Full PDB file with SEQRES, HELIX, SHEET, SSBOND, CRYST1, ORIGX, SCALE, CONECT and MASTER records, all heavy atoms in Angstrom:
SEQRES   1 A   38  ASN MET GLU ARG ILE GLN LYS ARG PHE VAL GLU HIS GLY          
SEQRES   2 A   38  ILE TRP VAL ARG PRO PHE GLY LYS LEU VAL TYR VAL MET          
SEQRES   3 A   38  PRO PRO TYR ILE ILE GLN GLN ASP GLU LEU GLU PHE              
HELIX    1 AA1 MET A    2  GLU A   11  1                                  10    
HELIX    2 AA2 GLN A   33  GLU A   37  1                                   5    
CRYST1    1.000    1.000    1.000  90.00  90.00  90.00 P 1           1          
ORIGX1      1.000000  0.000000  0.000000        0.00000                         
ORIGX2      0.000000  1.000000  0.000000        0.00000                         
ORIGX3      0.000000  0.000000  1.000000        0.00000                         
SCALE1      1.000000  0.000000  0.000000        0.00000                         
SCALE2      0.000000  1.000000  0.000000        0.00000                         
SCALE3      0.000000  0.000000  1.000000        0.00000                         
ATOM      1  N   ASN A   1      -8.983 -37.468 -59.671  1.00  0.00           N  
ATOM      2  CA  ASN A   1     -10.032 -36.426 -60.223  1.00  0.00           C  
ATOM      3  C   ASN A   1      -9.242 -35.211 -60.350  1.00  0.00           C  
ATOM      4  O   ASN A   1      -8.899 -34.475 -59.375  1.00  0.00           O  
ATOM      5  CB  ASN A   1     -11.136 -36.319 -59.258  1.00  0.00           C  
ATOM      6  CG  ASN A   1     -12.197 -35.347 -59.655  1.00  0.00           C  
ATOM      7  OD1 ASN A   1     -11.758 -34.156 -60.114  1.00  0.00           O  
ATOM      8  ND2 ASN A   1     -13.414 -35.654 -59.599  1.00  0.00           N  
ATOM      9  N   MET A   2      -8.841 -34.922 -61.577  1.00  0.00           N  
ATOM     10  CA  MET A   2      -7.936 -33.882 -61.800  1.00  0.00           C  
ATOM     11  C   MET A   2      -8.273 -32.449 -61.385  1.00  0.00           C  
ATOM     12  O   MET A   2      -7.582 -31.746 -60.695  1.00  0.00           O  
ATOM     13  CB  MET A   2      -7.651 -33.848 -63.324  1.00  0.00           C  
ATOM     14  CG  MET A   2      -6.465 -32.854 -63.643  1.00  0.00           C  
ATOM     15  SD  MET A   2      -4.894 -33.433 -62.992  1.00  0.00           S  
ATOM     16  CE  MET A   2      -3.847 -32.349 -63.684  1.00  0.00           C  
ATOM     17  N   GLU A   3      -9.621 -32.110 -61.649  1.00  0.00           N  
ATOM     18  CA  GLU A   3     -10.055 -30.843 -61.165  1.00  0.00           C  
ATOM     19  C   GLU A   3     -10.020 -30.628 -59.631  1.00  0.00           C  
ATOM     20  O   GLU A   3      -9.531 -29.657 -59.143  1.00  0.00           O  
ATOM     21  CB  GLU A   3     -11.456 -30.590 -61.737  1.00  0.00           C  
ATOM     22  CG  GLU A   3     -12.000 -29.196 -61.337  1.00  0.00           C  
ATOM     23  CD  GLU A   3     -13.354 -28.942 -62.091  1.00  0.00           C  
ATOM     24  OE1 GLU A   3     -13.798 -29.753 -62.853  1.00  0.00           O  
ATOM     25  OE2 GLU A   3     -14.027 -27.881 -61.705  1.00  0.00           O  
ATOM     26  N   ARG A   4     -10.497 -31.628 -58.935  1.00  0.00           N  
ATOM     27  CA  ARG A   4     -10.583 -31.650 -57.659  1.00  0.00           C  
ATOM     28  C   ARG A   4      -9.191 -31.572 -56.862  1.00  0.00           C  
ATOM     29  O   ARG A   4      -8.859 -30.895 -55.954  1.00  0.00           O  
ATOM     30  CB  ARG A   4     -11.455 -32.811 -57.002  1.00  0.00           C  
ATOM     31  CG  ARG A   4     -11.688 -32.793 -55.575  1.00  0.00           C  
ATOM     32  CD  ARG A   4     -12.497 -33.989 -55.107  1.00  0.00           C  
ATOM     33  NE  ARG A   4     -11.827 -35.255 -55.250  1.00  0.00           N  
ATOM     34  CZ  ARG A   4     -12.350 -36.444 -55.568  1.00  0.00           C  
ATOM     35  NH1 ARG A   4     -13.712 -36.543 -55.819  1.00  0.00           N  
ATOM     36  NH2 ARG A   4     -11.688 -37.480 -55.660  1.00  0.00           N  
ATOM     37  N   ILE A   5      -8.313 -32.453 -57.348  1.00  0.00           N  
ATOM     38  CA  ILE A   5      -7.128 -32.666 -56.663  1.00  0.00           C  
ATOM     39  C   ILE A   5      -6.094 -31.482 -56.958  1.00  0.00           C  
ATOM     40  O   ILE A   5      -5.378 -31.004 -56.118  1.00  0.00           O  
ATOM     41  CB  ILE A   5      -6.349 -33.992 -57.092  1.00  0.00           C  
ATOM     42  CG1 ILE A   5      -5.198 -34.407 -56.043  1.00  0.00           C  
ATOM     43  CG2 ILE A   5      -5.768 -33.915 -58.504  1.00  0.00           C  
ATOM     44  CD1 ILE A   5      -4.649 -35.744 -56.259  1.00  0.00           C  
ATOM     45  N   GLN A   6      -6.335 -30.945 -58.141  1.00  0.00           N  
ATOM     46  CA  GLN A   6      -5.464 -29.697 -58.547  1.00  0.00           C  
ATOM     47  C   GLN A   6      -5.815 -28.535 -57.647  1.00  0.00           C  
ATOM     48  O   GLN A   6      -4.921 -27.774 -57.120  1.00  0.00           O  
ATOM     49  CB  GLN A   6      -5.646 -29.293 -59.945  1.00  0.00           C  
ATOM     50  CG  GLN A   6      -4.796 -28.209 -60.443  1.00  0.00           C  
ATOM     51  CD  GLN A   6      -3.364 -28.748 -60.843  1.00  0.00           C  
ATOM     52  OE1 GLN A   6      -3.200 -29.148 -61.989  1.00  0.00           O  
ATOM     53  NE2 GLN A   6      -2.468 -28.730 -59.897  1.00  0.00           N  
ATOM     54  N   LYS A   7      -7.075 -28.355 -57.320  1.00  0.00           N  
ATOM     55  CA  LYS A   7      -7.700 -27.273 -56.460  1.00  0.00           C  
ATOM     56  C   LYS A   7      -7.006 -27.464 -55.067  1.00  0.00           C  
ATOM     57  O   LYS A   7      -6.652 -26.638 -54.408  1.00  0.00           O  
ATOM     58  CB  LYS A   7      -9.028 -27.232 -56.496  1.00  0.00           C  
ATOM     59  CG  LYS A   7      -9.766 -26.051 -55.757  1.00  0.00           C  
ATOM     60  CD  LYS A   7     -11.244 -26.119 -56.020  1.00  0.00           C  
ATOM     61  CE  LYS A   7     -11.893 -24.882 -55.207  1.00  0.00           C  
ATOM     62  NZ  LYS A   7     -11.884 -25.097 -53.755  1.00  0.00           N  
ATOM     63  N   ARG A   8      -7.159 -28.802 -54.541  1.00  0.00           N  
ATOM     64  CA  ARG A   8      -6.675 -28.999 -53.214  1.00  0.00           C  
ATOM     65  C   ARG A   8      -5.142 -28.775 -53.060  1.00  0.00           C  
ATOM     66  O   ARG A   8      -4.717 -28.339 -52.122  1.00  0.00           O  
ATOM     67  CB  ARG A   8      -6.973 -30.504 -52.900  1.00  0.00           C  
ATOM     68  CG  ARG A   8      -8.512 -30.643 -52.515  1.00  0.00           C  
ATOM     69  CD  ARG A   8      -8.824 -32.027 -52.236  1.00  0.00           C  
ATOM     70  NE  ARG A   8     -10.234 -32.080 -51.723  1.00  0.00           N  
ATOM     71  CZ  ARG A   8     -11.047 -33.170 -51.586  1.00  0.00           C  
ATOM     72  NH1 ARG A   8     -10.441 -34.378 -52.056  1.00  0.00           N  
ATOM     73  NH2 ARG A   8     -12.237 -33.102 -51.199  1.00  0.00           N  
ATOM     74  N   PHE A   9      -4.422 -29.136 -54.149  1.00  0.00           N  
ATOM     75  CA  PHE A   9      -2.920 -28.857 -54.107  1.00  0.00           C  
ATOM     76  C   PHE A   9      -2.682 -27.343 -53.881  1.00  0.00           C  
ATOM     77  O   PHE A   9      -1.816 -26.860 -53.097  1.00  0.00           O  
ATOM     78  CB  PHE A   9      -2.199 -29.406 -55.273  1.00  0.00           C  
ATOM     79  CG  PHE A   9      -1.967 -30.858 -55.301  1.00  0.00           C  
ATOM     80  CD1 PHE A   9      -2.230 -31.656 -56.373  1.00  0.00           C  
ATOM     81  CD2 PHE A   9      -1.519 -31.539 -54.134  1.00  0.00           C  
ATOM     82  CE1 PHE A   9      -1.890 -32.932 -56.462  1.00  0.00           C  
ATOM     83  CE2 PHE A   9      -1.334 -32.923 -54.141  1.00  0.00           C  
ATOM     84  CZ  PHE A   9      -1.545 -33.579 -55.291  1.00  0.00           C  
ATOM     85  N   VAL A  10      -3.372 -26.543 -54.743  1.00  0.00           N  
ATOM     86  CA  VAL A  10      -3.197 -25.100 -54.590  1.00  0.00           C  
ATOM     87  C   VAL A  10      -3.601 -24.529 -53.333  1.00  0.00           C  
ATOM     88  O   VAL A  10      -3.011 -23.624 -52.723  1.00  0.00           O  
ATOM     89  CB  VAL A  10      -3.983 -24.406 -55.748  1.00  0.00           C  
ATOM     90  CG1 VAL A  10      -4.061 -22.879 -55.584  1.00  0.00           C  
ATOM     91  CG2 VAL A  10      -3.394 -24.689 -57.177  1.00  0.00           C  
ATOM     92  N   GLU A  11      -4.715 -25.025 -52.771  1.00  0.00           N  
ATOM     93  CA  GLU A  11      -5.219 -24.686 -51.454  1.00  0.00           C  
ATOM     94  C   GLU A  11      -4.039 -25.054 -50.344  1.00  0.00           C  
ATOM     95  O   GLU A  11      -4.056 -24.277 -49.317  1.00  0.00           O  
ATOM     96  CB  GLU A  11      -6.434 -25.410 -51.023  1.00  0.00           C  
ATOM     97  CG  GLU A  11      -7.625 -24.885 -51.846  1.00  0.00           C  
ATOM     98  CD  GLU A  11      -8.919 -25.678 -51.651  1.00  0.00           C  
ATOM     99  OE1 GLU A  11      -8.748 -26.888 -50.975  1.00  0.00           O  
ATOM    100  OE2 GLU A  11     -10.002 -25.394 -52.107  1.00  0.00           O  
ATOM    101  N   HIS A  12      -3.210 -25.973 -50.581  1.00  0.00           N  
ATOM    102  CA  HIS A  12      -2.301 -26.365 -49.611  1.00  0.00           C  
ATOM    103  C   HIS A  12      -0.823 -25.675 -49.997  1.00  0.00           C  
ATOM    104  O   HIS A  12       0.139 -26.027 -49.327  1.00  0.00           O  
ATOM    105  CB  HIS A  12      -2.041 -27.820 -49.559  1.00  0.00           C  
ATOM    106  CG  HIS A  12      -3.181 -28.567 -48.758  1.00  0.00           C  
ATOM    107  ND1 HIS A  12      -4.398 -28.714 -49.251  1.00  0.00           N  
ATOM    108  CD2 HIS A  12      -3.027 -28.983 -47.417  1.00  0.00           C  
ATOM    109  CE1 HIS A  12      -5.086 -29.334 -48.237  1.00  0.00           C  
ATOM    110  NE2 HIS A  12      -4.287 -29.442 -47.220  1.00  0.00           N  
ATOM    111  N   GLY A  13      -0.879 -24.665 -50.926  1.00  0.00           N  
ATOM    112  CA  GLY A  13       0.327 -23.911 -51.291  1.00  0.00           C  
ATOM    113  C   GLY A  13       1.250 -24.570 -52.010  1.00  0.00           C  
ATOM    114  O   GLY A  13       2.453 -24.170 -51.996  1.00  0.00           O  
ATOM    115  N   ILE A  14       0.866 -25.564 -52.921  1.00  0.00           N  
ATOM    116  CA  ILE A  14       1.915 -26.335 -53.752  1.00  0.00           C  
ATOM    117  C   ILE A  14       1.366 -26.420 -55.162  1.00  0.00           C  
ATOM    118  O   ILE A  14       0.166 -26.421 -55.468  1.00  0.00           O  
ATOM    119  CB  ILE A  14       2.226 -27.720 -53.094  1.00  0.00           C  
ATOM    120  CG1 ILE A  14       0.909 -28.521 -53.138  1.00  0.00           C  
ATOM    121  CG2 ILE A  14       2.858 -27.452 -51.760  1.00  0.00           C  
ATOM    122  CD1 ILE A  14       1.141 -29.957 -52.528  1.00  0.00           C  
ATOM    123  N   TRP A  15       2.303 -26.643 -56.055  1.00  0.00           N  
ATOM    124  CA  TRP A  15       1.947 -26.732 -57.499  1.00  0.00           C  
ATOM    125  C   TRP A  15       2.449 -28.223 -57.891  1.00  0.00           C  
ATOM    126  O   TRP A  15       3.661 -28.371 -57.980  1.00  0.00           O  
ATOM    127  CB  TRP A  15       2.526 -25.672 -58.433  1.00  0.00           C  
ATOM    128  CG  TRP A  15       2.121 -25.976 -59.810  1.00  0.00           C  
ATOM    129  CD1 TRP A  15       2.833 -26.280 -60.896  1.00  0.00           C  
ATOM    130  CD2 TRP A  15       0.762 -25.838 -60.268  1.00  0.00           C  
ATOM    131  NE1 TRP A  15       2.066 -26.481 -62.006  1.00  0.00           N  
ATOM    132  CE2 TRP A  15       0.796 -26.219 -61.662  1.00  0.00           C  
ATOM    133  CE3 TRP A  15      -0.553 -25.480 -59.659  1.00  0.00           C  
ATOM    134  CZ2 TRP A  15      -0.315 -26.165 -62.497  1.00  0.00           C  
ATOM    135  CZ3 TRP A  15      -1.631 -25.476 -60.513  1.00  0.00           C  
ATOM    136  CH2 TRP A  15      -1.622 -25.791 -61.856  1.00  0.00           C  
ATOM    137  N   VAL A  16       1.543 -29.096 -58.012  1.00  0.00           N  
ATOM    138  CA  VAL A  16       1.741 -30.372 -58.494  1.00  0.00           C  
ATOM    139  C   VAL A  16       0.724 -30.756 -59.589  1.00  0.00           C  
ATOM    140  O   VAL A  16      -0.540 -30.329 -59.474  1.00  0.00           O  
ATOM    141  CB  VAL A  16       1.572 -31.461 -57.343  1.00  0.00           C  
ATOM    142  CG1 VAL A  16       1.793 -32.787 -57.856  1.00  0.00           C  
ATOM    143  CG2 VAL A  16       2.531 -31.049 -56.136  1.00  0.00           C  
ATOM    144  N   ARG A  17       1.218 -31.289 -60.736  1.00  0.00           N  
ATOM    145  CA  ARG A  17       0.287 -31.666 -61.885  1.00  0.00           C  
ATOM    146  C   ARG A  17       0.316 -33.085 -62.093  1.00  0.00           C  
ATOM    147  O   ARG A  17       1.193 -33.501 -62.856  1.00  0.00           O  
ATOM    148  CB  ARG A  17       0.717 -30.790 -63.061  1.00  0.00           C  
ATOM    149  CG  ARG A  17      -0.177 -30.981 -64.302  1.00  0.00           C  
ATOM    150  CD  ARG A  17      -1.339 -30.193 -64.156  1.00  0.00           C  
ATOM    151  NE  ARG A  17      -2.146 -30.033 -65.305  1.00  0.00           N  
ATOM    152  CZ  ARG A  17      -3.268 -29.504 -65.506  1.00  0.00           C  
ATOM    153  NH1 ARG A  17      -3.913 -28.935 -64.437  1.00  0.00           N  
ATOM    154  NH2 ARG A  17      -3.971 -29.563 -66.648  1.00  0.00           N  
ATOM    155  N   PRO A  18      -0.650 -33.842 -61.487  1.00  0.00           N  
ATOM    156  CA  PRO A  18      -0.630 -35.292 -61.684  1.00  0.00           C  
ATOM    157  C   PRO A  18      -1.201 -35.702 -63.187  1.00  0.00           C  
ATOM    158  O   PRO A  18      -1.684 -34.831 -63.849  1.00  0.00           O  
ATOM    159  CB  PRO A  18      -1.594 -35.781 -60.678  1.00  0.00           C  
ATOM    160  CG  PRO A  18      -1.931 -34.582 -59.739  1.00  0.00           C  
ATOM    161  CD  PRO A  18      -1.749 -33.391 -60.682  1.00  0.00           C  
ATOM    162  N   PHE A  19      -0.936 -36.883 -63.503  1.00  0.00           N  
ATOM    163  CA  PHE A  19      -1.793 -37.371 -64.611  1.00  0.00           C  
ATOM    164  C   PHE A  19      -2.053 -38.910 -64.396  1.00  0.00           C  
ATOM    165  O   PHE A  19      -1.290 -39.642 -63.916  1.00  0.00           O  
ATOM    166  CB  PHE A  19      -0.900 -37.215 -65.872  1.00  0.00           C  
ATOM    167  CG  PHE A  19       0.342 -37.986 -66.006  1.00  0.00           C  
ATOM    168  CD1 PHE A  19       0.420 -39.237 -66.615  1.00  0.00           C  
ATOM    169  CD2 PHE A  19       1.586 -37.392 -65.555  1.00  0.00           C  
ATOM    170  CE1 PHE A  19       1.525 -40.012 -66.616  1.00  0.00           C  
ATOM    171  CE2 PHE A  19       2.733 -38.143 -65.717  1.00  0.00           C  
ATOM    172  CZ  PHE A  19       2.772 -39.427 -66.309  1.00  0.00           C  
ATOM    173  N   GLY A  20      -3.226 -39.243 -64.844  1.00  0.00           N  
ATOM    174  CA  GLY A  20      -3.747 -40.640 -64.656  1.00  0.00           C  
ATOM    175  C   GLY A  20      -3.587 -41.022 -63.164  1.00  0.00           C  
ATOM    176  O   GLY A  20      -4.118 -40.357 -62.389  1.00  0.00           O  
ATOM    177  N   LYS A  21      -2.865 -42.089 -62.943  1.00  0.00           N  
ATOM    178  CA  LYS A  21      -2.764 -42.574 -61.564  1.00  0.00           C  
ATOM    179  C   LYS A  21      -1.509 -42.086 -60.855  1.00  0.00           C  
ATOM    180  O   LYS A  21      -1.219 -42.333 -59.678  1.00  0.00           O  
ATOM    181  CB  LYS A  21      -2.696 -44.186 -61.568  1.00  0.00           C  
ATOM    182  CG  LYS A  21      -3.932 -44.880 -62.120  1.00  0.00           C  
ATOM    183  CD  LYS A  21      -3.667 -46.345 -62.186  1.00  0.00           C  
ATOM    184  CE  LYS A  21      -4.915 -47.058 -62.836  1.00  0.00           C  
ATOM    185  NZ  LYS A  21      -4.630 -48.513 -62.842  1.00  0.00           N  
ATOM    186  N   LEU A  22      -0.747 -41.212 -61.497  1.00  0.00           N  
ATOM    187  CA  LEU A  22       0.498 -40.744 -60.991  1.00  0.00           C  
ATOM    188  C   LEU A  22       0.497 -39.393 -60.382  1.00  0.00           C  
ATOM    189  O   LEU A  22       0.088 -38.322 -61.137  1.00  0.00           O  
ATOM    190  CB  LEU A  22       1.430 -40.820 -62.103  1.00  0.00           C  
ATOM    191  CG  LEU A  22       1.717 -42.220 -62.759  1.00  0.00           C  
ATOM    192  CD1 LEU A  22       2.583 -42.137 -63.966  1.00  0.00           C  
ATOM    193  CD2 LEU A  22       2.082 -43.266 -61.821  1.00  0.00           C  
ATOM    194  N   VAL A  23       0.890 -39.314 -59.128  1.00  0.00           N  
ATOM    195  CA  VAL A  23       1.147 -37.975 -58.498  1.00  0.00           C  
ATOM    196  C   VAL A  23       2.663 -37.956 -58.392  1.00  0.00           C  
ATOM    197  O   VAL A  23       3.250 -38.815 -57.600  1.00  0.00           O  
ATOM    198  CB  VAL A  23       0.442 -37.892 -57.103  1.00  0.00           C  
ATOM    199  CG1 VAL A  23       0.843 -36.659 -56.419  1.00  0.00           C  
ATOM    200  CG2 VAL A  23      -1.007 -37.945 -57.284  1.00  0.00           C  
ATOM    201  N   TYR A  24       3.380 -37.014 -59.024  1.00  0.00           N  
ATOM    202  CA  TYR A  24       4.790 -37.042 -58.985  1.00  0.00           C  
ATOM    203  C   TYR A  24       5.402 -35.704 -58.919  1.00  0.00           C  
ATOM    204  O   TYR A  24       4.622 -34.610 -59.158  1.00  0.00           O  
ATOM    205  CB  TYR A  24       5.324 -37.775 -60.240  1.00  0.00           C  
ATOM    206  CG  TYR A  24       5.196 -36.876 -61.482  1.00  0.00           C  
ATOM    207  CD1 TYR A  24       6.247 -36.116 -62.052  1.00  0.00           C  
ATOM    208  CD2 TYR A  24       3.919 -36.784 -62.136  1.00  0.00           C  
ATOM    209  CE1 TYR A  24       6.038 -35.304 -63.157  1.00  0.00           C  
ATOM    210  CE2 TYR A  24       3.780 -36.104 -63.316  1.00  0.00           C  
ATOM    211  CZ  TYR A  24       4.810 -35.314 -63.688  1.00  0.00           C  
ATOM    212  OH  TYR A  24       4.656 -34.557 -64.889  1.00  0.00           O  
ATOM    213  N   VAL A  25       6.636 -35.602 -58.461  1.00  0.00           N  
ATOM    214  CA  VAL A  25       7.364 -34.347 -58.422  1.00  0.00           C  
ATOM    215  C   VAL A  25       8.697 -34.470 -59.133  1.00  0.00           C  
ATOM    216  O   VAL A  25       9.329 -35.521 -59.077  1.00  0.00           O  
ATOM    217  CB  VAL A  25       7.554 -33.835 -56.963  1.00  0.00           C  
ATOM    218  CG1 VAL A  25       6.194 -33.371 -56.436  1.00  0.00           C  
ATOM    219  CG2 VAL A  25       8.315 -34.772 -56.141  1.00  0.00           C  
ATOM    220  N   MET A  26       9.153 -33.385 -59.784  1.00  0.00           N  
ATOM    221  CA  MET A  26      10.407 -33.228 -60.359  1.00  0.00           C  
ATOM    222  C   MET A  26      10.771 -31.855 -60.249  1.00  0.00           C  
ATOM    223  O   MET A  26      10.883 -31.012 -61.083  1.00  0.00           O  
ATOM    224  CB  MET A  26      10.325 -33.650 -61.855  1.00  0.00           C  
ATOM    225  CG  MET A  26      10.081 -35.210 -62.052  1.00  0.00           C  
ATOM    226  SD  MET A  26       9.814 -35.595 -63.866  1.00  0.00           S  
ATOM    227  CE  MET A  26      11.696 -35.929 -64.295  1.00  0.00           C  
ATOM    228  N   PRO A  27      11.198 -31.405 -58.981  1.00  0.00           N  
ATOM    229  CA  PRO A  27      11.368 -29.976 -58.616  1.00  0.00           C  
ATOM    230  C   PRO A  27      12.650 -29.467 -59.214  1.00  0.00           C  
ATOM    231  O   PRO A  27      13.540 -30.198 -59.631  1.00  0.00           O  
ATOM    232  CB  PRO A  27      11.456 -30.054 -57.090  1.00  0.00           C  
ATOM    233  CG  PRO A  27      11.938 -31.401 -56.812  1.00  0.00           C  
ATOM    234  CD  PRO A  27      11.445 -32.324 -57.858  1.00  0.00           C  
ATOM    235  N   PRO A  28      12.756 -28.115 -59.136  1.00  0.00           N  
ATOM    236  CA  PRO A  28      14.037 -27.500 -59.425  1.00  0.00           C  
ATOM    237  C   PRO A  28      15.153 -27.907 -58.524  1.00  0.00           C  
ATOM    238  O   PRO A  28      14.926 -28.309 -57.322  1.00  0.00           O  
ATOM    239  CB  PRO A  28      13.842 -25.962 -59.261  1.00  0.00           C  
ATOM    240  CG  PRO A  28      12.342 -25.840 -59.404  1.00  0.00           C  
ATOM    241  CD  PRO A  28      11.867 -27.099 -58.825  1.00  0.00           C  
ATOM    242  N   TYR A  29      16.392 -28.099 -59.073  1.00  0.00           N  
ATOM    243  CA  TYR A  29      17.522 -28.649 -58.273  1.00  0.00           C  
ATOM    244  C   TYR A  29      17.825 -27.783 -57.036  1.00  0.00           C  
ATOM    245  O   TYR A  29      18.321 -28.205 -55.980  1.00  0.00           O  
ATOM    246  CB  TYR A  29      18.728 -28.902 -59.078  1.00  0.00           C  
ATOM    247  CG  TYR A  29      18.627 -29.788 -60.253  1.00  0.00           C  
ATOM    248  CD1 TYR A  29      19.616 -29.776 -61.213  1.00  0.00           C  
ATOM    249  CD2 TYR A  29      17.555 -30.616 -60.352  1.00  0.00           C  
ATOM    250  CE1 TYR A  29      19.544 -30.677 -62.251  1.00  0.00           C  
ATOM    251  CE2 TYR A  29      17.469 -31.535 -61.415  1.00  0.00           C  
ATOM    252  CZ  TYR A  29      18.439 -31.514 -62.346  1.00  0.00           C  
ATOM    253  OH  TYR A  29      18.319 -32.398 -63.465  1.00  0.00           O  
ATOM    254  N   ILE A  30      17.382 -26.529 -57.142  1.00  0.00           N  
ATOM    255  CA  ILE A  30      17.862 -25.533 -56.200  1.00  0.00           C  
ATOM    256  C   ILE A  30      16.907 -25.454 -54.910  1.00  0.00           C  
ATOM    257  O   ILE A  30      16.955 -24.651 -53.972  1.00  0.00           O  
ATOM    258  CB  ILE A  30      17.856 -24.081 -56.809  1.00  0.00           C  
ATOM    259  CG1 ILE A  30      16.541 -23.508 -57.192  1.00  0.00           C  
ATOM    260  CG2 ILE A  30      18.950 -24.016 -57.721  1.00  0.00           C  
ATOM    261  CD1 ILE A  30      16.431 -22.136 -57.348  1.00  0.00           C  
ATOM    262  N   ILE A  31      15.779 -26.221 -55.077  1.00  0.00           N  
ATOM    263  CA  ILE A  31      14.776 -26.264 -53.934  1.00  0.00           C  
ATOM    264  C   ILE A  31      15.445 -26.536 -52.611  1.00  0.00           C  
ATOM    265  O   ILE A  31      16.241 -27.366 -52.444  1.00  0.00           O  
ATOM    266  CB  ILE A  31      13.714 -27.297 -54.266  1.00  0.00           C  
ATOM    267  CG1 ILE A  31      12.394 -27.091 -53.400  1.00  0.00           C  
ATOM    268  CG2 ILE A  31      14.137 -28.655 -54.124  1.00  0.00           C  
ATOM    269  CD1 ILE A  31      11.168 -27.787 -53.872  1.00  0.00           C  
ATOM    270  N   GLN A  32      15.079 -25.637 -51.672  1.00  0.00           N  
ATOM    271  CA  GLN A  32      15.606 -25.869 -50.326  1.00  0.00           C  
ATOM    272  C   GLN A  32      14.838 -26.907 -49.479  1.00  0.00           C  
ATOM    273  O   GLN A  32      13.781 -27.380 -49.889  1.00  0.00           O  
ATOM    274  CB  GLN A  32      15.558 -24.591 -49.515  1.00  0.00           C  
ATOM    275  CG  GLN A  32      16.140 -23.368 -50.113  1.00  0.00           C  
ATOM    276  CD  GLN A  32      17.692 -23.615 -50.242  1.00  0.00           C  
ATOM    277  OE1 GLN A  32      18.289 -23.799 -49.136  1.00  0.00           O  
ATOM    278  NE2 GLN A  32      18.207 -23.463 -51.467  1.00  0.00           N  
ATOM    279  N   GLN A  33      15.546 -27.466 -48.453  1.00  0.00           N  
ATOM    280  CA  GLN A  33      14.908 -28.675 -47.716  1.00  0.00           C  
ATOM    281  C   GLN A  33      13.629 -28.326 -47.150  1.00  0.00           C  
ATOM    282  O   GLN A  33      12.701 -29.200 -47.181  1.00  0.00           O  
ATOM    283  CB  GLN A  33      15.971 -29.063 -46.742  1.00  0.00           C  
ATOM    284  CG  GLN A  33      15.397 -30.233 -45.889  1.00  0.00           C  
ATOM    285  CD  GLN A  33      16.374 -30.982 -44.908  1.00  0.00           C  
ATOM    286  OE1 GLN A  33      17.565 -30.801 -45.197  1.00  0.00           O  
ATOM    287  NE2 GLN A  33      15.909 -31.531 -43.973  1.00  0.00           N  
ATOM    288  N   ASP A  34      13.490 -27.057 -46.632  1.00  0.00           N  
ATOM    289  CA  ASP A  34      12.216 -26.693 -46.014  1.00  0.00           C  
ATOM    290  C   ASP A  34      11.148 -26.599 -46.985  1.00  0.00           C  
ATOM    291  O   ASP A  34       9.945 -26.866 -46.760  1.00  0.00           O  
ATOM    292  CB  ASP A  34      12.359 -25.495 -45.193  1.00  0.00           C  
ATOM    293  CG  ASP A  34      12.791 -24.299 -46.027  1.00  0.00           C  
ATOM    294  OD1 ASP A  34      13.469 -24.368 -46.970  1.00  0.00           O  
ATOM    295  OD2 ASP A  34      12.464 -23.103 -45.475  1.00  0.00           O  
ATOM    296  N   GLU A  35      11.448 -26.064 -48.241  1.00  0.00           N  
ATOM    297  CA  GLU A  35      10.476 -25.974 -49.261  1.00  0.00           C  
ATOM    298  C   GLU A  35      10.097 -27.309 -49.727  1.00  0.00           C  
ATOM    299  O   GLU A  35       8.843 -27.539 -50.014  1.00  0.00           O  
ATOM    300  CB  GLU A  35      11.097 -25.209 -50.559  1.00  0.00           C  
ATOM    301  CG  GLU A  35      11.302 -23.781 -50.233  1.00  0.00           C  
ATOM    302  CD  GLU A  35      12.042 -23.068 -51.431  1.00  0.00           C  
ATOM    303  OE1 GLU A  35      12.961 -23.556 -51.927  1.00  0.00           O  
ATOM    304  OE2 GLU A  35      11.668 -21.927 -51.637  1.00  0.00           O  
ATOM    305  N   LEU A  36      11.056 -28.172 -49.906  1.00  0.00           N  
ATOM    306  CA  LEU A  36      10.651 -29.535 -50.407  1.00  0.00           C  
ATOM    307  C   LEU A  36       9.794 -30.272 -49.328  1.00  0.00           C  
ATOM    308  O   LEU A  36       8.952 -31.077 -49.671  1.00  0.00           O  
ATOM    309  CB  LEU A  36      12.031 -30.325 -50.652  1.00  0.00           C  
ATOM    310  CG  LEU A  36      11.894 -31.728 -51.351  1.00  0.00           C  
ATOM    311  CD1 LEU A  36      11.058 -31.655 -52.550  1.00  0.00           C  
ATOM    312  CD2 LEU A  36      13.185 -32.347 -51.690  1.00  0.00           C  
ATOM    313  N   GLU A  37      10.222 -30.147 -48.153  1.00  0.00           N  
ATOM    314  CA  GLU A  37       9.464 -30.848 -46.917  1.00  0.00           C  
ATOM    315  C   GLU A  37       8.005 -30.343 -47.008  1.00  0.00           C  
ATOM    316  O   GLU A  37       7.029 -31.034 -46.750  1.00  0.00           O  
ATOM    317  CB  GLU A  37      10.098 -30.564 -45.646  1.00  0.00           C  
ATOM    318  CG  GLU A  37      11.450 -31.453 -45.475  1.00  0.00           C  
ATOM    319  CD  GLU A  37      12.212 -31.127 -44.283  1.00  0.00           C  
ATOM    320  OE1 GLU A  37      11.884 -30.051 -43.599  1.00  0.00           O  
ATOM    321  OE2 GLU A  37      13.101 -31.949 -43.952  1.00  0.00           O  
ATOM    322  N   PHE A  38       7.851 -28.951 -47.153  1.00  0.00           N  
ATOM    323  CA  PHE A  38       6.536 -28.376 -47.284  1.00  0.00           C  
ATOM    324  C   PHE A  38       5.747 -28.944 -48.415  1.00  0.00           C  
ATOM    325  O   PHE A  38       4.549 -29.248 -48.389  1.00  0.00           O  
ATOM    326  CB  PHE A  38       6.633 -26.880 -47.428  1.00  0.00           C  
ATOM    327  CG  PHE A  38       5.339 -26.167 -47.421  1.00  0.00           C  
ATOM    328  CD1 PHE A  38       4.699 -25.666 -46.260  1.00  0.00           C  
ATOM    329  CD2 PHE A  38       4.660 -25.898 -48.627  1.00  0.00           C  
ATOM    330  CE1 PHE A  38       3.495 -25.066 -46.285  1.00  0.00           C  
ATOM    331  CE2 PHE A  38       3.470 -25.139 -48.780  1.00  0.00           C  
ATOM    332  CZ  PHE A  38       2.897 -24.704 -47.503  1.00  0.00           C  
TER     333      PHE A  38                                                      
MASTER        0    0    0    2    0    0    0    6  332    1    0    3          
END                                                                             
């Protein structure tokens, strides 16, 4: 449910944009370990 899950991601302090059945990440290469773990 795109509207609901997007809002929840933001509430958890992260930006993720799923599509269909797929929740995925392709972050910047410079992301720090603590940022990625968060």
